[in-house]
């Protein structure tokens, strides 16, 4: 390959993927063990790059809000502005609305929504936020175009996604190698992008954004409490979540493989020297 040539890369944006993209299927599912990890997320630990861009009075859309912990955390930061969270799953939206009610916040609401057909007029929001969403979409550029549509001129799109392929851990455990390979294979089989974080800038540019700031941060789990929380969750997810069912259904892994993965996570969690880092790509794109 000559210097300067562009290799074929499945993560490069495909602007005409609407007709060829496979039907989308959420790789993680909504098992309690999955929602437990999603409920850990806050603005501080999952959207810190967005903090300098938040201001009182802004109207914010949180796309793929899940159980709503980030969404609810955004609300007091932009009050008296409004925060709207949408997700494709009605049960998850109901859980998020209950969290908002319990929090006593009146400037946040939730509804079922479709990222490819947002139920809002053009130029409706100052900020559109999406955390760990693009990796699950078969048509990320189309989704970003739709999010751009509902942004006001001068508004910002804030997106953060993991780069699974760069996840690293200690000690070296074959069971976790198997986990990562299986996770990536399930996602790719679903038409998803397990390394989406590295493509966000390119996708945003193809979606029509011209002013794009890029950054990267990492989730790190190393303390006894962090390892117990993350490792226990994945030990359960490896056997009981939608990921497990899909892995067996598609031939990516056997039940024996999944049991090995589960045991590997428990072994890692119990190791006082255990460490894991998950890098994420982030963008702030201005309309």
Protein backbone atom coordinates (compact mmCIF):
# COMPACT_ATOMS: atom_id res chain seq x y z
CA UNK A 1 0.00 0.00 0.00
CA UNK A 2 1.42 3.37 -0.98
CA UNK A 3 1.70 6.19 1.54
CA UNK A 4 -1.42 8.31 1.48
CA UNK A 5 -3.74 5.63 0.11
CA UNK A 6 -6.92 4.82 2.01
CA UNK A 7 -7.45 1.17 3.01
CA UNK A 8 -10.91 -0.31 3.02
CA UNK A 9 -12.27 0.30 6.51
CA UNK A 10 -15.74 -0.82 7.69
CA UNK A 11 -15.78 2.09 10.15
CA UNK A 12 -15.57 4.79 7.52
CA UNK A 13 -18.93 6.58 7.15
CA UNK A 14 -21.27 5.25 4.52
CA UNK A 15 -23.55 8.02 3.37
CA UNK A 16 -25.71 5.70 1.29
CA UNK A 17 -26.13 2.89 3.83
CA UNK A 18 -29.88 3.30 4.20
CA UNK A 19 -30.62 0.59 1.63
CA UNK A 20 -27.83 -1.80 2.61
CA UNK A 21 -27.69 -1.57 6.40
CA UNK A 22 -28.89 -4.70 8.23
CA UNK A 23 -31.84 -4.47 10.62
CA UNK A 24 -30.67 -3.07 13.93
CA UNK A 25 -30.63 -5.17 17.07
CA UNK A 26 -29.47 -3.87 20.43
CA UNK A 27 -26.49 -6.01 21.39
CA UNK A 28 -26.74 -5.53 25.16
CA UNK A 29 -30.48 -5.81 25.71
CA UNK A 30 -32.20 -4.47 28.83
CA UNK A 31 -31.52 -7.12 31.45
CA UNK A 32 -31.29 -5.76 35.00
CA UNK A 33 -27.51 -6.28 34.98
CA UNK A 34 -27.24 -4.04 31.91
CA UNK A 35 -29.44 -1.28 33.32
CA UNK A 36 -27.46 -1.48 36.56
CA UNK A 37 -24.30 -0.41 34.75
CA UNK A 38 -26.16 2.22 32.73
CA UNK A 39 -27.61 3.68 35.93
CA UNK A 40 -24.08 4.37 37.20
CA UNK A 41 -23.56 6.99 34.51
CA UNK A 42 -23.60 10.68 35.39
CA UNK A 43 -22.57 13.87 33.62
CA UNK A 44 -19.35 13.88 35.65
CA UNK A 45 -18.20 10.33 34.80
CA UNK A 46 -19.63 10.04 31.30
CA UNK A 47 -20.07 13.54 29.83
CA UNK A 48 -17.44 15.69 31.46
CA UNK A 49 -16.35 17.04 28.07
CA UNK A 50 -19.81 18.62 27.73
CA UNK A 51 -19.73 20.53 31.03
CA UNK A 52 -17.99 23.69 29.70
CA UNK A 53 -20.70 24.01 27.05
CA UNK A 54 -23.72 23.89 29.37
CA UNK A 55 -25.49 27.07 30.48
CA UNK A 56 -28.66 28.08 32.28
CA UNK A 57 -31.69 28.31 30.02
CA UNK A 58 -30.53 25.89 27.34
CA UNK A 59 -32.91 23.33 25.85
CA UNK A 60 -31.26 19.90 25.70
CA UNK A 61 -32.20 16.65 23.93
CA UNK A 62 -30.66 13.44 25.31
CA UNK A 63 -30.87 10.75 22.62
CA UNK A 64 -30.78 7.12 23.75
CA UNK A 65 -31.20 8.21 27.36
CA UNK A 66 -31.57 4.71 28.84
CA UNK A 67 -32.59 4.79 32.52
CA UNK A 68 -32.09 8.56 32.53
CA UNK A 69 -29.31 9.12 35.04
CA UNK A 70 -27.31 11.41 32.74
CA UNK A 71 -30.49 13.15 31.57
CA UNK A 72 -31.64 13.90 35.11
CA UNK A 73 -28.13 15.08 35.99
CA UNK A 74 -28.23 17.52 33.07
CA UNK A 75 -31.51 19.13 34.20
CA UNK A 76 -30.27 21.26 37.14
CA UNK A 77 -27.24 22.33 35.13
CA UNK A 78 -29.40 24.07 32.49
CA UNK A 79 -32.39 25.11 34.63
CA UNK A 80 -34.72 26.83 33.97
CA UNK A 81 -34.09 25.33 30.54
CA UNK A 82 -35.74 22.04 29.58
CA UNK A 83 -34.14 18.63 29.13
CA UNK A 84 -35.90 15.98 27.03
CA UNK A 85 -34.76 12.35 27.06
CA UNK A 86 -35.79 9.84 24.41
CA UNK A 87 -35.21 6.11 24.09
CA UNK A 88 -36.60 3.43 21.81
CA UNK A 89 -37.74 1.19 24.69
CA UNK A 90 -40.96 2.14 26.51
CA UNK A 91 -40.06 0.23 29.69
CA UNK A 92 -36.74 2.08 29.97
CA UNK A 93 -38.45 5.42 29.37
CA UNK A 94 -40.89 4.62 32.17
CA UNK A 95 -37.96 3.90 34.51
CA UNK A 96 -36.30 7.18 33.53
CA UNK A 97 -39.49 9.15 34.14
CA UNK A 98 -39.79 7.57 37.58
CA UNK A 99 -36.25 8.70 38.38
CA UNK A 100 -37.09 12.25 37.33
CA UNK A 101 -40.24 12.23 39.46
CA UNK A 102 -38.34 10.92 42.48
CA UNK A 103 -35.72 13.62 41.96
CA UNK A 104 -38.38 16.33 42.15
CA UNK A 105 -37.18 17.96 38.94
CA UNK A 106 -39.76 19.73 36.82
CA UNK A 107 -37.61 20.68 33.83
CA UNK A 108 -36.97 17.15 32.53
CA UNK A 109 -39.28 14.76 30.68
CA UNK A 110 -38.97 11.51 28.76
CA UNK A 111 -40.66 9.89 25.78
CA UNK A 112 -40.23 7.03 23.32
CA UNK A 113 -38.43 8.21 20.20
CA UNK A 114 -36.63 7.20 17.00
CA UNK A 115 -33.19 8.70 16.38
CA UNK A 116 -33.77 8.53 12.61
CA UNK A 117 -37.09 10.42 12.85
CA UNK A 118 -37.00 12.76 15.83
CA UNK A 119 -40.43 14.08 16.72
CA UNK A 120 -39.32 17.71 17.00
CA UNK A 121 -39.31 20.67 14.61
CA UNK A 122 -36.17 21.98 12.96
CA UNK A 123 -33.97 24.23 15.14
CA UNK A 124 -35.49 23.09 18.46
CA UNK A 125 -32.52 22.49 20.77
CA UNK A 126 -29.37 24.21 21.95
CA UNK A 127 -27.68 20.89 22.74
CA UNK A 128 -28.23 17.36 21.46
CA UNK A 129 -26.39 14.74 23.52
CA UNK A 130 -25.85 11.04 22.79
CA UNK A 131 -23.83 8.76 25.04
CA UNK A 132 -22.92 5.23 23.89
CA UNK A 133 -25.59 5.41 21.19
CA UNK A 134 -23.81 5.66 17.85
CA UNK A 135 -22.05 2.31 18.33
CA UNK A 136 -25.42 0.54 18.16
CA UNK A 137 -26.71 2.24 15.00
CA UNK A 138 -26.41 0.72 11.54
CA UNK A 139 -26.70 4.22 10.00
CA UNK A 140 -24.74 6.59 12.27
CA UNK A 141 -24.36 9.32 9.66
CA UNK A 142 -28.12 9.40 9.02
CA UNK A 143 -28.69 9.64 12.77
CA UNK A 144 -26.28 12.55 13.09
CA UNK A 145 -27.98 14.33 10.20
CA UNK A 146 -31.31 14.04 12.00
CA UNK A 147 -29.78 15.29 15.25
CA UNK A 148 -28.28 18.21 13.34
CA UNK A 149 -31.72 19.04 11.93
CA UNK A 150 -33.23 19.64 15.37
CA UNK A 151 -30.31 21.76 16.55
CA UNK A 152 -30.62 25.54 16.52
CA UNK A 153 -28.03 27.42 14.46
CA UNK A 154 -24.98 27.62 16.70
CA UNK A 155 -26.21 24.64 18.74
CA UNK A 156 -23.92 21.74 19.57
CA UNK A 157 -24.00 17.99 19.13
CA UNK A 158 -22.17 16.20 21.96
CA UNK A 159 -21.40 12.52 21.35
CA UNK A 160 -19.30 10.01 23.28
CA UNK A 161 -18.70 6.36 22.37
CA UNK A 162 -16.42 3.56 23.45
CA UNK A 163 -13.55 2.05 21.44
CA UNK A 164 -13.94 -1.56 22.50
CA UNK A 165 -10.93 -2.76 20.51
CA UNK A 166 -8.61 -0.62 22.65
CA UNK A 167 -9.93 -1.87 25.98
CA UNK A 168 -7.10 -3.14 28.18
CA UNK A 169 -6.90 -4.96 31.49
CA UNK A 170 -4.66 -6.59 34.06
CA UNK A 171 -4.00 -9.40 34.73
CA UNK A 172 -3.94 -10.95 31.27
CA UNK A 173 -6.86 -13.38 31.25
CA UNK A 174 -7.82 -15.53 28.23
CA UNK A 175 -11.43 -15.40 29.42
CA UNK A 176 -11.51 -11.62 28.97
CA UNK A 177 -9.89 -11.96 25.54
CA UNK A 178 -12.81 -14.27 24.72
CA UNK A 179 -15.25 -11.71 26.15
CA UNK A 180 -13.90 -8.91 23.98
CA UNK A 181 -13.84 -11.03 20.82
CA UNK A 182 -17.39 -12.26 21.48
CA UNK A 183 -18.71 -8.79 22.29
CA UNK A 184 -17.26 -7.33 19.10
CA UNK A 185 -18.53 -10.25 16.98
CA UNK A 186 -22.08 -9.91 18.32
CA UNK A 187 -22.09 -6.17 17.66
CA UNK A 188 -20.68 -6.51 14.16
CA UNK A 189 -23.29 -9.17 13.42
CA UNK A 190 -25.94 -6.65 14.45
CA UNK A 191 -24.61 -4.07 12.01
CA UNK A 192 -23.19 -2.06 14.91
CA UNK A 193 -19.81 -0.37 15.40
CA UNK A 194 -17.91 -1.60 18.48
CA UNK A 195 -15.14 0.95 17.91
CA UNK A 196 -17.47 3.86 17.15
CA UNK A 197 -15.54 6.31 19.32
CA UNK A 198 -12.77 6.58 16.74
CA UNK A 199 -15.17 7.41 13.89
CA UNK A 200 -17.27 10.16 15.50
CA UNK A 201 -15.37 13.04 13.90
CA UNK A 202 -15.64 11.50 10.44
CA UNK A 203 -19.32 10.70 10.84
CA UNK A 204 -20.09 14.23 12.03
CA UNK A 205 -18.27 15.75 9.09
CA UNK A 206 -20.22 13.58 6.65
CA UNK A 207 -23.43 14.56 8.46
CA UNK A 208 -22.82 18.21 7.60
CA UNK A 209 -20.92 19.54 10.62
CA UNK A 210 -17.86 21.66 9.86
CA UNK A 211 -16.76 22.86 13.31
CA UNK A 212 -15.83 19.74 15.30
CA UNK A 213 -13.79 19.50 18.50
CA UNK A 214 -12.47 16.04 19.34
CA UNK A 215 -11.28 14.62 22.64
CA UNK A 216 -10.86 11.29 24.40
CA UNK A 217 -11.31 10.05 27.96
CA UNK A 218 -11.23 6.68 29.67
CA UNK A 219 -13.32 4.78 32.14
CA UNK A 220 -10.98 3.13 34.63
CA UNK A 221 -12.01 0.43 37.11
CA UNK A 222 -9.34 -0.44 39.64
CA UNK A 223 -10.52 -0.09 43.24
CA UNK A 224 -12.06 -3.02 45.08
CA UNK A 225 -15.51 -1.44 44.81
CA UNK A 226 -15.11 -0.57 41.11
CA UNK A 227 -13.92 -4.07 40.21
CA UNK A 228 -16.67 -5.72 42.19
CA UNK A 229 -19.32 -3.54 40.55
CA UNK A 230 -18.08 -3.89 36.95
CA UNK A 231 -16.90 -7.50 37.17
CA UNK A 232 -20.03 -8.75 38.94
CA UNK A 233 -22.23 -7.02 36.41
CA UNK A 234 -20.45 -8.57 33.45
CA UNK A 235 -20.29 -11.96 35.11
CA UNK A 236 -24.08 -11.84 35.15
CA UNK A 237 -24.46 -10.25 31.72
CA UNK A 238 -22.28 -12.95 30.16
CA UNK A 239 -24.89 -15.58 31.06
CA UNK A 240 -28.25 -13.83 31.35
CA UNK A 241 -28.40 -10.75 29.12
CA UNK A 242 -29.41 -10.42 25.49
CA UNK A 243 -25.71 -10.50 24.59
CA UNK A 244 -25.55 -14.09 25.88
CA UNK A 245 -28.60 -15.18 23.91
CA UNK A 246 -27.34 -13.53 20.73
CA UNK A 247 -23.84 -14.98 21.11
CA UNK A 248 -25.23 -18.53 21.29
CA UNK A 249 -27.88 -17.94 18.63
CA UNK A 250 -25.34 -16.68 16.10
CA UNK A 251 -22.64 -19.20 16.92
CA UNK A 252 -20.26 -16.58 18.25
CA UNK A 253 -19.88 -18.43 21.56
CA UNK A 254 -21.04 -21.60 23.26
CA UNK A 255 -22.58 -21.84 26.71
CA UNK A 256 -19.24 -23.18 27.90
CA UNK A 257 -17.52 -20.09 26.47
CA UNK A 258 -19.97 -17.79 28.25
CA UNK A 259 -19.45 -19.63 31.53
CA UNK A 260 -15.70 -19.17 31.08
CA UNK A 261 -16.23 -15.44 30.44
CA UNK A 262 -18.41 -15.13 33.53
CA UNK A 263 -15.86 -16.90 35.70
CA UNK A 264 -13.11 -14.74 34.21
CA UNK A 265 -14.89 -11.56 35.24
CA UNK A 266 -15.33 -12.84 38.78
CA UNK A 267 -11.66 -13.82 38.95
CA UNK A 268 -10.64 -10.35 37.70
CA UNK A 269 -12.94 -8.63 40.20
CA UNK A 270 -11.42 -10.57 43.10
CA UNK A 271 -7.81 -9.79 42.11
CA UNK A 272 -6.47 -6.90 44.22
CA UNK A 273 -4.17 -5.98 41.32
CA UNK A 274 -7.02 -5.95 38.80
CA UNK A 275 -7.27 -2.93 36.49
CA UNK A 276 -9.34 -2.16 33.40
CA UNK A 277 -9.42 0.85 31.10
CA UNK A 278 -12.01 1.58 28.38
CA UNK A 279 -11.14 4.51 26.08
CA UNK A 280 -13.87 6.69 24.57
CA UNK A 281 -13.91 9.15 21.71
CA UNK A 282 -15.87 12.38 22.12
CA UNK A 283 -16.92 15.25 19.87
CA UNK A 284 -18.49 18.66 20.21
CA UNK A 285 -19.85 19.56 16.78
CA UNK A 286 -21.38 22.99 16.15
CA UNK A 287 -24.19 23.59 13.66
